[in-house]
Amino acid sequence: MTKETLGQMIFRLRTEKKIGVRELGRRVEVSGVHISSIEKNKATPSPELLSKIARALEIDVDRLMVRADQVDPEVLKVIKGNSYAVHDFLRTAKGLKKEQWEELKKEAQKMLDENK
């Protein structure tokens, strides 16, 4: 089974939502031709454009970022602001299973909620 490319994913999501190429372009402030080039994997969108496309297609931006092999600028800020801690944490957590990552995510959210 072949992994869906970023362009194929955007095309699929766009057509599922019955949004035309030009309409998606208008929504994200680029031309329909540019959207078409992205869908054909002839152009690579910036992280900022991926964020706009994700919002327009009502999808989690991280799904597109991962497919594009990119990192959300907001995530980069966190990494740069805590670079030793993030690297140390990831090195420690690299062997965790998917369920354990989900549990960590829940715990992190609880900590954030407690800080409010």
C-alpha atoms as a PDB file:
ATOM      1  CA  MET A   1       0.000   0.000   0.000  1.00  0.00           C
ATOM      2  CA  THR A   2       1.452   3.329  -1.112  1.00  0.00           C
ATOM      3  CA  LYS A   3       1.452   6.217   1.326  1.00  0.00           C
ATOM      4  CA  GLU A   4      -0.723   9.123   0.232  1.00  0.00           C
ATOM      5  CA  THR A   5       1.364  12.163  -0.731  1.00  0.00           C
ATOM      6  CA  LEU A   6       0.665  15.618   0.635  1.00  0.00           C
ATOM      7  CA  GLY A   7      -0.772  16.673  -2.716  1.00  0.00           C
ATOM      8  CA  GLN A   8      -3.019  13.624  -2.903  1.00  0.00           C
ATOM      9  CA  MET A   9      -4.211  14.246   0.646  1.00  0.00           C
ATOM     10  CA  ILE A  10      -5.084  17.880  -0.062  1.00  0.00           C
ATOM     11  CA  PHE A  11      -6.843  16.880  -3.305  1.00  0.00           C
ATOM     12  CA  ARG A  12      -8.848  14.176  -1.501  1.00  0.00           C
ATOM     13  CA  LEU A  13      -9.864  16.466   1.365  1.00  0.00           C
ATOM     14  CA  ARG A  14     -10.756  19.287  -1.016  1.00  0.00           C
ATOM     15  CA  THR A  15     -12.903  17.077  -3.242  1.00  0.00           C
ATOM     16  CA  GLU A  16     -14.583  15.432  -0.237  1.00  0.00           C
ATOM     17  CA  LYS A  17     -15.645  18.908   0.879  1.00  0.00           C
ATOM     18  CA  LYS A  18     -16.703  19.770  -2.678  1.00  0.00           C
ATOM     19  CA  ILE A  19     -14.409  22.790  -2.814  1.00  0.00           C
ATOM     20  CA  GLY A  20     -13.018  23.797  -6.202  1.00  0.00           C
ATOM     21  CA  VAL A  21      -9.337  24.495  -6.788  1.00  0.00           C
ATOM     22  CA  ARG A  22      -9.955  28.206  -7.365  1.00  0.00           C
ATOM     23  CA  GLU A  23     -12.190  28.439  -4.299  1.00  0.00           C
ATOM     24  CA  LEU A  24      -9.544  26.851  -2.056  1.00  0.00           C
ATOM     25  CA  GLY A  25      -6.999  29.229  -3.565  1.00  0.00           C
ATOM     26  CA  ARG A  26      -9.230  32.210  -2.726  1.00  0.00           C
ATOM     27  CA  ARG A  27      -9.712  30.955   0.825  1.00  0.00           C
ATOM     28  CA  VAL A  28      -5.962  30.670   1.418  1.00  0.00           C
ATOM     29  CA  GLU A  29      -4.961  33.720  -0.655  1.00  0.00           C
ATOM     30  CA  VAL A  30      -3.081  31.959  -3.466  1.00  0.00           C
ATOM     31  CA  SER A  31      -4.023  31.139  -7.045  1.00  0.00           C
ATOM     32  CA  GLY A  32      -5.922  28.035  -8.052  1.00  0.00           C
ATOM     33  CA  VAL A  33      -2.914  27.227 -10.242  1.00  0.00           C
ATOM     34  CA  HIS A  34      -0.714  27.160  -7.131  1.00  0.00           C
ATOM     35  CA  ILE A  35      -3.151  24.829  -5.347  1.00  0.00           C
ATOM     36  CA  SER A  36      -3.155  22.589  -8.414  1.00  0.00           C
ATOM     37  CA  SER A  37       0.667  22.521  -8.409  1.00  0.00           C
ATOM     38  CA  ILE A  38       0.655  21.517  -4.734  1.00  0.00           C
ATOM     39  CA  GLU A  39      -1.877  18.760  -5.398  1.00  0.00           C
ATOM     40  CA  LYS A  40       0.295  17.448  -8.235  1.00  0.00           C
ATOM     41  CA  ASN A  41       3.335  17.555  -5.906  1.00  0.00           C
ATOM     42  CA  LYS A  42       5.047  20.086  -8.182  1.00  0.00           C
ATOM     43  CA  ALA A  43       5.165  22.782  -5.484  1.00  0.00           C
ATOM     44  CA  THR A  44       5.849  22.578  -1.773  1.00  0.00           C
ATOM     45  CA  PRO A  45       3.728  24.881   0.374  1.00  0.00           C
ATOM     46  CA  SER A  46       5.252  26.873   3.211  1.00  0.00           C
ATOM     47  CA  PRO A  47       4.264  25.975   6.776  1.00  0.00           C
ATOM     48  CA  GLU A  48       2.175  29.159   6.858  1.00  0.00           C
ATOM     49  CA  LEU A  49       0.270  28.150   3.718  1.00  0.00           C
ATOM     50  CA  LEU A  50      -0.216  24.633   5.084  1.00  0.00           C
ATOM     51  CA  SER A  51      -1.795  26.170   8.183  1.00  0.00           C
ATOM     52  CA  LYS A  52      -4.211  28.167   6.022  1.00  0.00           C
ATOM     53  CA  ILE A  53      -5.063  25.101   3.937  1.00  0.00           C
ATOM     54  CA  ALA A  54      -5.686  23.078   7.097  1.00  0.00           C
ATOM     55  CA  ARG A  55      -8.090  25.721   8.405  1.00  0.00           C
ATOM     56  CA  ALA A  56      -9.864  25.957   5.039  1.00  0.00           C
ATOM     57  CA  LEU A  57     -10.254  22.172   4.870  1.00  0.00           C
ATOM     58  CA  GLU A  58     -11.149  21.927   8.581  1.00  0.00           C
ATOM     59  CA  ILE A  59      -8.361  19.472   9.358  1.00  0.00           C
ATOM     60  CA  ASP A  60      -5.733  19.365  12.090  1.00  0.00           C
ATOM     61  CA  VAL A  61      -2.706  21.248  10.778  1.00  0.00           C
ATOM     62  CA  ASP A  62      -0.363  18.590  12.172  1.00  0.00           C
ATOM     63  CA  ARG A  63      -1.775  16.000   9.733  1.00  0.00           C
ATOM     64  CA  LEU A  64      -0.647  18.156   6.822  1.00  0.00           C
ATOM     65  CA  MET A  65       2.648  19.161   8.440  1.00  0.00           C
ATOM     66  CA  VAL A  66       3.607  15.544   9.056  1.00  0.00           C
ATOM     67  CA  ARG A  67       2.699  14.593   5.496  1.00  0.00           C
ATOM     68  CA  ALA A  68       4.810  17.522   4.218  1.00  0.00           C
ATOM     69  CA  ASP A  69       7.685  16.555   6.519  1.00  0.00           C
ATOM     70  CA  GLN A  70       7.542  20.041   8.032  1.00  0.00           C
ATOM     71  CA  VAL A  71       7.242  21.452  11.523  1.00  0.00           C
ATOM     72  CA  ASP A  72       4.610  23.998  12.484  1.00  0.00           C
ATOM     73  CA  PRO A  73       6.232  27.379  13.288  1.00  0.00           C
ATOM     74  CA  GLU A  74       4.443  27.345  16.669  1.00  0.00           C
ATOM     75  CA  VAL A  75       6.097  24.009  17.488  1.00  0.00           C
ATOM     76  CA  LEU A  76       9.471  25.391  16.401  1.00  0.00           C
ATOM     77  CA  LYS A  77       9.042  28.257  18.868  1.00  0.00           C
ATOM     78  CA  VAL A  78       8.499  25.738  21.669  1.00  0.00           C
ATOM     79  CA  ILE A  79      11.545  23.732  20.613  1.00  0.00           C
ATOM     80  CA  LYS A  80      13.765  26.814  20.344  1.00  0.00           C
ATOM     81  CA  GLY A  81      12.511  28.210  23.630  1.00  0.00           C
ATOM     82  CA  ASN A  82      13.222  24.966  25.484  1.00  0.00           C
ATOM     83  CA  SER A  83      15.753  23.320  23.214  1.00  0.00           C
ATOM     84  CA  TYR A  84      17.700  21.280  25.789  1.00  0.00           C
ATOM     85  CA  ALA A  85      14.551  20.143  27.600  1.00  0.00           C
ATOM     86  CA  VAL A  86      12.738  19.190  24.383  1.00  0.00           C
ATOM     87  CA  HIS A  87      15.677  17.243  22.987  1.00  0.00           C
ATOM     88  CA  ASP A  88      16.287  15.523  26.316  1.00  0.00           C
ATOM     89  CA  PHE A  89      12.587  14.658  26.645  1.00  0.00           C
ATOM     90  CA  LEU A  90      12.356  13.259  23.112  1.00  0.00           C
ATOM     91  CA  ARG A  91      15.487  11.168  23.578  1.00  0.00           C
ATOM     92  CA  THR A  92      14.010   9.771  26.794  1.00  0.00           C
ATOM     93  CA  ALA A  93      10.574   9.129  25.278  1.00  0.00           C
ATOM     94  CA  LYS A  94      11.674   7.710  21.920  1.00  0.00           C
ATOM     95  CA  GLY A  95      10.693   4.129  22.780  1.00  0.00           C
ATOM     96  CA  LEU A  96       7.156   4.886  23.927  1.00  0.00           C
ATOM     97  CA  LYS A  97       4.179   3.199  22.307  1.00  0.00           C
ATOM     98  CA  LYS A  98       1.364   5.159  20.626  1.00  0.00           C
ATOM     99  CA  GLU A  99      -0.918   4.705  23.632  1.00  0.00           C
ATOM    100  CA  GLN A 100       1.778   6.038  25.950  1.00  0.00           C
ATOM    101  CA  TRP A 101       2.202   9.141  23.757  1.00  0.00           C
ATOM    102  CA  GLU A 102      -1.555   9.705  24.026  1.00  0.00           C
ATOM    103  CA  GLU A 103      -1.334   9.416  27.814  1.00  0.00           C
ATOM    104  CA  LEU A 104       1.533  11.936  27.876  1.00  0.00           C
ATOM    105  CA  LYS A 105      -0.507  14.318  25.749  1.00  0.00           C
ATOM    106  CA  LYS A 106      -3.427  14.074  28.204  1.00  0.00           C
ATOM    107  CA  GLU A 107      -1.123  14.699  31.161  1.00  0.00           C
ATOM    108  CA  ALA A 108       0.424  17.721  29.460  1.00  0.00           C
ATOM    109  CA  GLN A 109      -3.060  19.115  28.790  1.00  0.00           C
ATOM    110  CA  LYS A 110      -3.973  18.621  32.468  1.00  0.00           C
ATOM    111  CA  MET A 111      -0.851  20.538  33.500  1.00  0.00           C
ATOM    112  CA  LEU A 112      -1.737  23.383  31.125  1.00  0.00           C
ATOM    113  CA  ASP A 113      -5.288  23.500  32.469  1.00  0.00           C
ATOM    114  CA  GLU A 114      -3.962  23.688  36.036  1.00  0.00           C
ATOM    115  CA  ASN A 115      -1.792  26.687  35.084  1.00  0.00           C
ATOM    116  CA  LYS A 116      -4.839  28.726  33.986  1.00  0.00           C
END
